Amino acid sequence: TLVFAAVLVSSFYAEARIQERELAVLRTRSLETTQRAVHQLLSAICDVVVQLGPDLRLLAPTPKLGTFLLSTGQGFGALGSDFLAHIARADRQLFLDSMRSSEV
């Protein structure tokens, strides 16, 4: 009966782990779907949409950024480029302050 109890506990544990993984996959898919929907909505109403990482570097190539800002410099809007480099020096602190105030 001790072996049976150990098998039973192990199976409950394994089932719980499987459910946790499945839930994580569903949450990830839901987040990805939401991100795509938000990006599509923003793309429909905005001239340029950029995806930024926490270091304010572009997470996706954004060639429309260079076109919008009338700049065709090498790597302008390239994956990993520094978004702050696209903002006038005089406006950078204002941008950073506005980003900090909008953090949730």
Protein backbone atom coordinates (compact mmCIF):
# COMPACT_ATOMS: atom_id res chain seq x y z
CA THR A 1 0.00 0.00 0.00
CA LEU A 2 2.96 2.32 0.53
CA VAL A 3 4.01 1.83 -3.10
CA PHE A 4 0.45 2.48 -4.23
CA ALA A 5 0.36 5.73 -2.22
CA ALA A 6 3.69 6.84 -3.70
CA VAL A 7 2.44 6.12 -7.24
CA LEU A 8 -0.79 7.97 -6.52
CA VAL A 9 1.03 11.03 -5.16
CA SER A 10 3.45 10.97 -8.10
CA SER A 11 0.60 10.84 -10.60
CA PHE A 12 -1.17 13.77 -8.91
CA TYR A 13 2.07 15.75 -8.97
CA ALA A 14 2.68 14.93 -12.63
CA GLU A 15 -0.89 15.91 -13.54
CA ALA A 16 -0.50 19.22 -11.71
CA ARG A 17 2.75 19.97 -13.58
CA ILE A 18 1.11 19.16 -16.92
CA GLN A 19 -1.79 21.48 -16.13
CA GLU A 20 0.63 24.26 -15.11
CA ARG A 21 2.49 23.92 -18.43
CA GLU A 22 -0.74 23.90 -20.43
CA LEU A 23 -1.96 27.00 -18.60
CA ALA A 24 1.35 28.77 -19.27
CA VAL A 25 1.08 27.94 -22.98
CA LEU A 26 -2.49 29.27 -23.09
CA ARG A 27 -1.46 32.49 -21.32
CA THR A 28 1.42 32.97 -23.74
CA ARG A 29 -0.82 32.44 -26.76
CA SER A 30 -3.39 34.83 -25.34
CA LEU A 31 -0.73 37.48 -24.75
CA GLU A 32 0.63 37.05 -28.29
CA THR A 33 -2.88 37.35 -29.75
CA THR A 34 -3.51 40.49 -27.73
CA GLN A 35 -0.18 42.00 -28.79
CA ARG A 36 -0.96 41.32 -32.46
CA ALA A 37 -4.41 42.89 -32.12
CA VAL A 38 -3.01 45.99 -30.41
CA HIS A 39 -0.28 46.32 -33.05
CA GLN A 40 -2.84 46.03 -35.86
CA LEU A 41 -5.06 48.64 -34.24
CA LEU A 42 -2.18 51.04 -33.69
CA SER A 43 -0.94 50.46 -37.25
CA ALA A 44 -4.37 51.41 -38.56
CA ILE A 45 -4.48 54.73 -36.70
CA CYS A 46 -0.79 55.72 -36.38
CA ASP A 47 1.77 56.68 -39.00
CA VAL A 48 4.50 54.57 -37.39
CA VAL A 49 4.39 51.94 -34.64
CA VAL A 50 7.60 50.87 -32.90
CA GLN A 51 8.13 47.99 -30.51
CA LEU A 52 10.65 48.89 -27.82
CA GLY A 53 12.47 46.77 -25.29
CA PRO A 54 13.12 47.92 -21.72
CA ASP A 55 16.39 49.46 -22.93
CA LEU A 56 14.46 51.50 -25.54
CA ARG A 57 15.96 49.55 -28.44
CA LEU A 58 13.78 48.49 -31.37
CA LEU A 59 12.54 44.91 -30.99
CA ALA A 60 11.52 44.73 -34.64
CA PRO A 61 12.78 46.40 -37.81
CA THR A 62 10.80 49.57 -38.46
CA PRO A 63 11.75 50.95 -41.88
CA LYS A 64 8.70 53.27 -41.83
CA LEU A 65 10.37 55.17 -38.97
CA GLY A 66 13.14 56.47 -41.22
CA THR A 67 10.67 57.36 -43.95
CA PHE A 68 8.39 59.14 -41.49
CA LEU A 69 11.26 61.15 -40.03
CA LEU A 70 12.66 61.86 -43.51
CA SER A 71 15.92 60.15 -42.65
CA THR A 72 17.48 57.42 -44.70
CA GLY A 73 20.67 56.97 -42.69
CA GLN A 74 22.33 53.58 -42.49
CA GLY A 75 20.46 51.35 -40.04
CA PHE A 76 17.73 53.88 -39.35
CA GLY A 77 14.89 51.90 -37.79
CA ALA A 78 16.94 48.69 -37.78
CA LEU A 79 16.38 45.89 -35.31
CA GLY A 80 18.22 46.69 -32.07
CA SER A 81 18.80 50.35 -32.89
CA ASP A 82 18.53 52.86 -30.06
CA PHE A 83 15.18 54.66 -30.25
CA LEU A 84 16.58 57.66 -28.35
CA ALA A 85 18.98 58.24 -31.25
CA HIS A 86 15.90 59.12 -33.32
CA ILE A 87 14.80 61.82 -30.89
CA ALA A 88 16.31 65.31 -30.86
CA ARG A 89 18.72 65.78 -27.95
CA ALA A 90 16.62 68.62 -26.57
CA ASP A 91 13.55 66.34 -26.40
CA ARG A 92 15.13 63.16 -25.00
CA GLN A 93 14.66 63.97 -21.32
CA LEU A 94 11.06 65.00 -21.91
CA PHE A 95 10.47 61.68 -23.70
CA LEU A 96 12.11 59.69 -20.89
CA ASP A 97 10.07 61.56 -18.27
CA SER A 98 6.84 60.86 -20.15
CA MET A 99 7.74 57.16 -20.45
CA ARG A 100 8.40 56.96 -16.70
CA SER A 101 5.11 58.68 -15.85
CA SER A 102 3.15 56.24 -18.03
CA GLU A 103 4.64 53.09 -16.45
CA VAL A 104 2.08 50.86 -14.82
